[in-house]
Amino acid sequence: GLTVGDPVERTKQPLSVELGPGILDQIFDGIQRPLKVIAEYSQSVFVPKGVD
């Protein structure tokens, strides 16, 4: 895991994380929208810019 104060290394690649089973139902974006709903809407594993 990653916690506050841990060193990080810049790779110049997009930030990505691998989620375990069941986690997607419990993660929200910055305004409390479930990521599962956004993924179903966008048909992508990435959250597109400008999702309403």
PDB file of N, CA and C in Angstrom:
ATOM      1  N   GLY A   1       0.806  -1.183   0.000  1.00  0.00           N
ATOM      2  CA  GLY A   1       0.000   0.000   0.000  1.00  0.00           C
ATOM      3  C   GLY A   1       0.853   1.252   0.000  1.00  0.00           C
ATOM      4  N   LEU A   2       0.211   2.355  -0.134  1.00  0.00           N
ATOM      5  CA  LEU A   2       0.872   3.655  -0.146  1.00  0.00           C
ATOM      6  C   LEU A   2       0.253   4.504   0.947  1.00  0.00           C
ATOM      7  N   THR A   3       1.089   5.093   1.766  1.00  0.00           N
ATOM      8  CA  THR A   3       0.591   5.934   2.850  1.00  0.00           C
ATOM      9  C   THR A   3       1.245   7.310   2.781  1.00  0.00           C
ATOM     10  N   VAL A   4       0.733   8.231   3.572  1.00  0.00           N
ATOM     11  CA  VAL A   4       1.278   9.582   3.632  1.00  0.00           C
ATOM     12  C   VAL A   4       2.747   9.516   4.033  1.00  0.00           C
ATOM     13  N   GLY A   5       3.579  10.214   3.278  1.00  0.00           N
ATOM     14  CA  GLY A   5       5.001  10.268   3.595  1.00  0.00           C
ATOM     15  C   GLY A   5       5.842   9.231   2.878  1.00  0.00           C
ATOM     16  N   ASP A   6       5.210   8.249   2.221  1.00  0.00           N
ATOM     17  CA  ASP A   6       5.967   7.250   1.468  1.00  0.00           C
ATOM     18  C   ASP A   6       6.626   7.907   0.260  1.00  0.00           C
ATOM     19  N   PRO A   7       7.844   7.493  -0.069  1.00  0.00           N
ATOM     20  CA  PRO A   7       8.478   8.036  -1.268  1.00  0.00           C
ATOM     21  C   PRO A   7       7.797   7.492  -2.521  1.00  0.00           C
ATOM     22  N   VAL A   8       7.699   8.315  -3.541  1.00  0.00           N
ATOM     23  CA  VAL A   8       7.134   7.891  -4.817  1.00  0.00           C
ATOM     24  C   VAL A   8       8.129   8.229  -5.919  1.00  0.00           C
ATOM     25  N   GLU A   9       8.035   7.518  -7.021  1.00  0.00           N
ATOM     26  CA  GLU A   9       8.943   7.719  -8.140  1.00  0.00           C
ATOM     27  C   GLU A   9       8.153   8.126  -9.376  1.00  0.00           C
ATOM     28  N   ARG A  10       8.542   9.206 -10.002  1.00  0.00           N
ATOM     29  CA  ARG A  10       7.868   9.675 -11.212  1.00  0.00           C
ATOM     30  C   ARG A  10       8.292   8.800 -12.389  1.00  0.00           C
ATOM     31  N   THR A  11       7.294   8.268 -13.107  1.00  0.00           N
ATOM     32  CA  THR A  11       7.571   7.416 -14.267  1.00  0.00           C
ATOM     33  C   THR A  11       7.134   8.063 -15.569  1.00  0.00           C
ATOM     34  N   LYS A  12       6.498   9.230 -15.490  1.00  0.00           N
ATOM     35  CA  LYS A  12       5.950   9.934 -16.657  1.00  0.00           C
ATOM     36  C   LYS A  12       4.882   9.104 -17.372  1.00  0.00           C
ATOM     37  N   GLN A  13       4.223   8.215 -16.636  1.00  0.00           N
ATOM     38  CA  GLN A  13       3.124   7.395 -17.130  1.00  0.00           C
ATOM     39  C   GLN A  13       1.863   7.791 -16.366  1.00  0.00           C
ATOM     40  N   PRO A  14       0.670   7.542 -16.951  1.00  0.00           N
ATOM     41  CA  PRO A  14      -0.566   7.832 -16.214  1.00  0.00           C
ATOM     42  C   PRO A  14      -0.636   7.020 -14.918  1.00  0.00           C
ATOM     43  N   LEU A  15      -1.202   7.623 -13.898  1.00  0.00           N
ATOM     44  CA  LEU A  15      -1.386   6.928 -12.627  1.00  0.00           C
ATOM     45  C   LEU A  15      -2.377   5.795 -12.819  1.00  0.00           C
ATOM     46  N   SER A  16      -2.038   4.612 -12.359  1.00  0.00           N
ATOM     47  CA  SER A  16      -2.956   3.481 -12.451  1.00  0.00           C
ATOM     48  C   SER A  16      -2.792   2.604 -11.220  1.00  0.00           C
ATOM     49  N   VAL A  17      -3.871   1.944 -10.849  1.00  0.00           N
ATOM     50  CA  VAL A  17      -3.854   1.008  -9.732  1.00  0.00           C
ATOM     51  C   VAL A  17      -4.667  -0.212 -10.110  1.00  0.00           C
ATOM     52  N   GLU A  18      -4.291  -1.351  -9.571  1.00  0.00           N
ATOM     53  CA  GLU A  18      -5.051  -2.577  -9.786  1.00  0.00           C
ATOM     54  C   GLU A  18      -5.966  -2.776  -8.582  1.00  0.00           C
ATOM     55  N   LEU A  19      -7.257  -2.925  -8.836  1.00  0.00           N
ATOM     56  CA  LEU A  19      -8.234  -3.068  -7.761  1.00  0.00           C
ATOM     57  C   LEU A  19      -8.600  -4.524  -7.569  1.00  0.00           C
ATOM     58  N   GLY A  20      -8.758  -4.924  -6.327  1.00  0.00           N
ATOM     59  CA  GLY A  20      -9.173  -6.276  -6.028  1.00  0.00           C
ATOM     60  C   GLY A  20     -10.673  -6.447  -6.214  1.00  0.00           C
ATOM     61  N   PRO A  21     -11.142  -7.698  -6.198  1.00  0.00           N
ATOM     62  CA  PRO A  21     -12.575  -7.965  -6.374  1.00  0.00           C
ATOM     63  C   PRO A  21     -13.409  -7.249  -5.308  1.00  0.00           C
ATOM     64  N   GLY A  22     -14.488  -6.643  -5.733  1.00  0.00           N
ATOM     65  CA  GLY A  22     -15.392  -5.984  -4.799  1.00  0.00           C
ATOM     66  C   GLY A  22     -15.026  -4.554  -4.463  1.00  0.00           C
ATOM     67  N   ILE A  23     -13.825  -4.128  -4.776  1.00  0.00           N
ATOM     68  CA  ILE A  23     -13.394  -2.776  -4.432  1.00  0.00           C
ATOM     69  C   ILE A  23     -14.113  -1.725  -5.271  1.00  0.00           C
ATOM     70  N   LEU A  24     -14.368  -2.004  -6.542  1.00  0.00           N
ATOM     71  CA  LEU A  24     -14.950  -1.015  -7.442  1.00  0.00           C
ATOM     72  C   LEU A  24     -16.295  -0.500  -6.934  1.00  0.00           C
ATOM     73  N   ASP A  25     -17.058  -1.336  -6.240  1.00  0.00           N
ATOM     74  CA  ASP A  25     -18.358  -0.912  -5.707  1.00  0.00           C
ATOM     75  C   ASP A  25     -18.221   0.073  -4.554  1.00  0.00           C
ATOM     76  N   GLN A  26     -17.027   0.185  -3.979  1.00  0.00           N
ATOM     77  CA  GLN A  26     -16.843   0.972  -2.772  1.00  0.00           C
ATOM     78  C   GLN A  26     -15.973   2.205  -2.978  1.00  0.00           C
ATOM     79  N   ILE A  27     -15.636   2.546  -4.225  1.00  0.00           N
ATOM     80  CA  ILE A  27     -14.778   3.693  -4.498  1.00  0.00           C
ATOM     81  C   ILE A  27     -15.578   4.759  -5.232  1.00  0.00           C
ATOM     82  N   PHE A  28     -15.391   6.005  -4.825  1.00  0.00           N
ATOM     83  CA  PHE A  28     -16.125   7.128  -5.385  1.00  0.00           C
ATOM     84  C   PHE A  28     -15.150   8.159  -5.932  1.00  0.00           C
ATOM     85  N   ASP A  29     -15.621   8.964  -6.878  1.00  0.00           N
ATOM     86  CA  ASP A  29     -14.791  10.057  -7.368  1.00  0.00           C
ATOM     87  C   ASP A  29     -14.873  11.222  -6.382  1.00  0.00           C
ATOM     88  N   GLY A  30     -14.325  12.369  -6.744  1.00  0.00           N
ATOM     89  CA  GLY A  30     -14.248  13.512  -5.836  1.00  0.00           C
ATOM     90  C   GLY A  30     -15.577  14.098  -5.418  1.00  0.00           C
ATOM     91  N   ILE A  31     -16.667  13.815  -6.153  1.00  0.00           N
ATOM     92  CA  ILE A  31     -17.983  14.343  -5.763  1.00  0.00           C
ATOM     93  C   ILE A  31     -18.972  13.216  -5.463  1.00  0.00           C
ATOM     94  N   GLN A  32     -18.424  12.114  -4.954  1.00  0.00           N
ATOM     95  CA  GLN A  32     -19.201  10.986  -4.433  1.00  0.00           C
ATOM     96  C   GLN A  32     -20.009  10.216  -5.469  1.00  0.00           C
ATOM     97  N   ARG A  33     -19.541  10.168  -6.707  1.00  0.00           N
ATOM     98  CA  ARG A  33     -20.181   9.315  -7.711  1.00  0.00           C
ATOM     99  C   ARG A  33     -19.452   7.979  -7.714  1.00  0.00           C
ATOM    100  N   PRO A  34     -20.177   6.858  -7.653  1.00  0.00           N
ATOM    101  CA  PRO A  34     -19.522   5.550  -7.649  1.00  0.00           C
ATOM    102  C   PRO A  34     -18.757   5.315  -8.955  1.00  0.00           C
ATOM    103  N   LEU A  35     -17.505   4.858  -8.852  1.00  0.00           N
ATOM    104  CA  LEU A  35     -16.703   4.593 -10.046  1.00  0.00           C
ATOM    105  C   LEU A  35     -17.317   3.504 -10.912  1.00  0.00           C
ATOM    106  N   LYS A  36     -18.046   2.572 -10.300  1.00  0.00           N
ATOM    107  CA  LYS A  36     -18.691   1.518 -11.087  1.00  0.00           C
ATOM    108  C   LYS A  36     -19.674   2.127 -12.088  1.00  0.00           C
ATOM    109  N   VAL A  37     -20.442   3.125 -11.660  1.00  0.00           N
ATOM    110  CA  VAL A  37     -21.414   3.782 -12.541  1.00  0.00           C
ATOM    111  C   VAL A  37     -20.693   4.520 -13.665  1.00  0.00           C
ATOM    112  N   ILE A  38     -19.604   5.213 -13.340  1.00  0.00           N
ATOM    113  CA  ILE A  38     -18.840   5.936 -14.354  1.00  0.00           C
ATOM    114  C   ILE A  38     -18.245   4.961 -15.364  1.00  0.00           C
ATOM    115  N   ALA A  39     -17.720   3.830 -14.901  1.00  0.00           N
ATOM    116  CA  ALA A  39     -17.143   2.831 -15.807  1.00  0.00           C
ATOM    117  C   ALA A  39     -18.205   2.263 -16.741  1.00  0.00           C
ATOM    118  N   GLU A  40     -19.403   1.997 -16.218  1.00  0.00           N
ATOM    119  CA  GLU A  40     -20.484   1.480 -17.064  1.00  0.00           C
ATOM    120  C   GLU A  40     -20.911   2.528 -18.093  1.00  0.00           C
ATOM    121  N   TYR A  41     -20.971   3.785 -17.688  1.00  0.00           N
ATOM    122  CA  TYR A  41     -21.374   4.875 -18.578  1.00  0.00           C
ATOM    123  C   TYR A  41     -20.358   5.085 -19.703  1.00  0.00           C
ATOM    124  N   SER A  42     -19.080   5.067 -19.349  1.00  0.00           N
ATOM    125  CA  SER A  42     -18.037   5.378 -20.328  1.00  0.00           C
ATOM    126  C   SER A  42     -17.582   4.159 -21.121  1.00  0.00           C
ATOM    127  N   GLN A  43     -17.968   2.963 -20.693  1.00  0.00           N
ATOM    128  CA  GLN A  43     -17.525   1.726 -21.347  1.00  0.00           C
ATOM    129  C   GLN A  43     -16.002   1.668 -21.423  1.00  0.00           C
ATOM    130  N   SER A  44     -15.342   2.101 -20.359  1.00  0.00           N
ATOM    131  CA  SER A  44     -13.885   2.152 -20.327  1.00  0.00           C
ATOM    132  C   SER A  44     -13.406   1.914 -18.904  1.00  0.00           C
ATOM    133  N   VAL A  45     -12.172   1.430 -18.777  1.00  0.00           N
ATOM    134  CA  VAL A  45     -11.578   1.291 -17.453  1.00  0.00           C
ATOM    135  C   VAL A  45     -11.008   2.617 -16.967  1.00  0.00           C
ATOM    136  N   PHE A  46     -10.988   3.621 -17.852  1.00  0.00           N
ATOM    137  CA  PHE A  46     -10.500   4.947 -17.501  1.00  0.00           C
ATOM    138  C   PHE A  46     -11.681   5.889 -17.307  1.00  0.00           C
ATOM    139  N   VAL A  47     -11.543   6.846 -16.404  1.00  0.00           N
ATOM    140  CA  VAL A  47     -12.573   7.853 -16.196  1.00  0.00           C
ATOM    141  C   VAL A  47     -12.307   8.978 -17.194  1.00  0.00           C
ATOM    142  N   PRO A  48     -13.204   9.168 -18.155  1.00  0.00           N
ATOM    143  CA  PRO A  48     -12.966  10.206 -19.157  1.00  0.00           C
ATOM    144  C   PRO A  48     -13.163  11.611 -18.591  1.00  0.00           C
ATOM    145  N   LYS A  49     -12.481  12.569 -19.168  1.00  0.00           N
ATOM    146  CA  LYS A  49     -12.604  13.967 -18.755  1.00  0.00           C
ATOM    147  C   LYS A  49     -14.003  14.475 -19.094  1.00  0.00           C
ATOM    148  N   GLY A  50     -14.620  15.171 -18.161  1.00  0.00           N
ATOM    149  CA  GLY A  50     -15.907  15.798 -18.417  1.00  0.00           C
ATOM    150  C   GLY A  50     -17.113  14.902 -18.234  1.00  0.00           C
ATOM    151  N   VAL A  51     -17.006  13.820 -17.469  1.00  0.00           N
ATOM    152  CA  VAL A  51     -18.156  12.950 -17.211  1.00  0.00           C
ATOM    153  C   VAL A  51     -19.136  13.696 -16.326  1.00  0.00           C
ATOM    154  N   ASP A  52     -20.413  13.706 -16.703  1.00  0.00           N
ATOM    155  CA  ASP A  52     -21.442  14.383 -15.910  1.00  0.00           C
ATOM    156  C   ASP A  52     -22.134  13.414 -14.984  1.00  0.00           C
TER     157      ASP A  52
END
